[in-house]
Protein backbone atom coordinates (compact mmCIF):
# COMPACT_ATOMS: atom_id res chain seq x y z
CA MET A 1 -0.01 0.02 0.03
CA HIS A 2 1.42 3.42 -1.04
CA ASP A 3 1.35 6.18 1.46
CA LYS A 4 0.54 9.48 -0.12
CA LEU A 5 2.66 12.38 1.01
CA THR A 6 0.75 15.19 2.58
CA ASP A 7 1.21 18.74 1.44
CA GLU A 8 3.02 19.46 4.71
CA GLN A 9 5.47 16.64 4.10
CA ILE A 10 6.16 17.80 0.56
CA LEU A 11 6.65 21.33 1.83
CA ALA A 12 9.08 20.06 4.51
CA TYR A 13 11.10 18.14 1.86
CA VAL A 14 11.15 21.22 -0.38
CA GLU A 15 12.38 23.39 2.48
CA GLU A 16 15.05 20.85 3.37
CA LEU A 17 16.26 20.74 -0.20
CA GLN A 18 16.31 24.57 -0.39
CA MET A 19 18.45 24.69 2.75
CA LYS A 20 20.82 22.08 1.36
CA VAL A 21 21.18 24.03 -1.91
CA ALA A 22 21.77 27.30 -0.05
CA TYR A 23 24.45 25.58 2.09
CA GLN A 24 26.16 24.15 -0.98
CA GLU A 25 26.03 27.46 -2.86
CA ASN A 26 27.74 29.07 0.12
CA HIS A 27 30.45 26.48 0.22
CA ILE A 28 30.99 26.73 -3.54
CA GLU A 29 31.45 30.50 -3.20
CA VAL A 30 33.96 29.99 -0.32
CA LEU A 31 35.90 27.41 -2.34
CA ASN A 32 35.85 29.69 -5.39
CA GLN A 33 37.32 32.59 -3.38
CA ALA A 34 40.00 30.31 -1.98
CA LEU A 35 40.81 29.10 -5.49
CA ALA A 36 41.05 32.62 -6.80
CA SER A 37 43.35 33.61 -3.96
CA GLN A 38 45.58 30.60 -4.54
CA GLN A 39 45.72 31.36 -8.29
CA LYS A 40 46.91 34.90 -7.48
CA GLN A 41 49.59 33.49 -5.19
CA LEU A 42 50.64 30.98 -7.86
CA ASP A 43 50.84 33.72 -10.49
CA SER A 44 53.02 35.87 -8.15
CA LEU A 45 55.30 32.96 -7.35
CA GLN A 46 55.70 32.06 -11.02
CA PHE A 47 56.56 35.68 -11.83
CA THR A 48 59.12 35.80 -8.96
CA LEU A 49 60.64 32.47 -9.97
CA GLY A 50 61.03 33.67 -13.53
CA HIS A 51 63.05 36.65 -12.27
CA VAL A 52 65.15 34.46 -10.01
CA VAL A 53 65.94 32.15 -12.91
CA ASP A 54 66.88 35.05 -15.12
CA ARG A 55 69.21 36.35 -12.42
CA VAL A 56 70.82 32.98 -11.89
CA LYS A 57 71.36 32.58 -15.62
CA GLN A 58 73.25 35.90 -15.63
CA PHE A 59 75.82 34.55 -13.16
CA GLN A 60 78.89 32.87 -14.60
CA VAL A 61 79.87 30.56 -11.82
CA SER A 62 83.22 28.91 -12.32
CA ASN A 63 85.88 27.57 -10.03
CA MET A 64 88.54 28.18 -12.69
CA ALA A 65 90.07 31.58 -13.31
CA THR A 66 89.93 33.09 -16.77
CA GLU A 67 93.15 33.37 -18.72
CA ALA A 68 93.45 37.09 -17.83
CA GLU A 69 93.14 36.23 -14.11
CA GLU A 70 95.60 33.29 -14.26
CA THR A 71 98.97 33.97 -12.81
CA PRO A 72 101.88 32.68 -14.89
CA PRO A 73 103.49 29.53 -13.58
CA PRO A 74 106.74 29.95 -11.75
CA HIS A 75 109.85 29.16 -13.76
CA TYR A 76 112.31 26.79 -12.20
């Protein structure tokens, strides 16, 4: 035997669903804001890293002296 839902039960279900949707919409907005903030931080870090890489590439690191800096060997 099928129980018919009363108008009050249907209204209660609809109200419950509306609350759940409102709750989810709020959480989606919070997550969206967090994602936007993280994207800004990522963009900033990528920009900074690009500059650091450019600066490092400008350095000529060598443990050996250039010919101009090399002292002549002593003559025996």
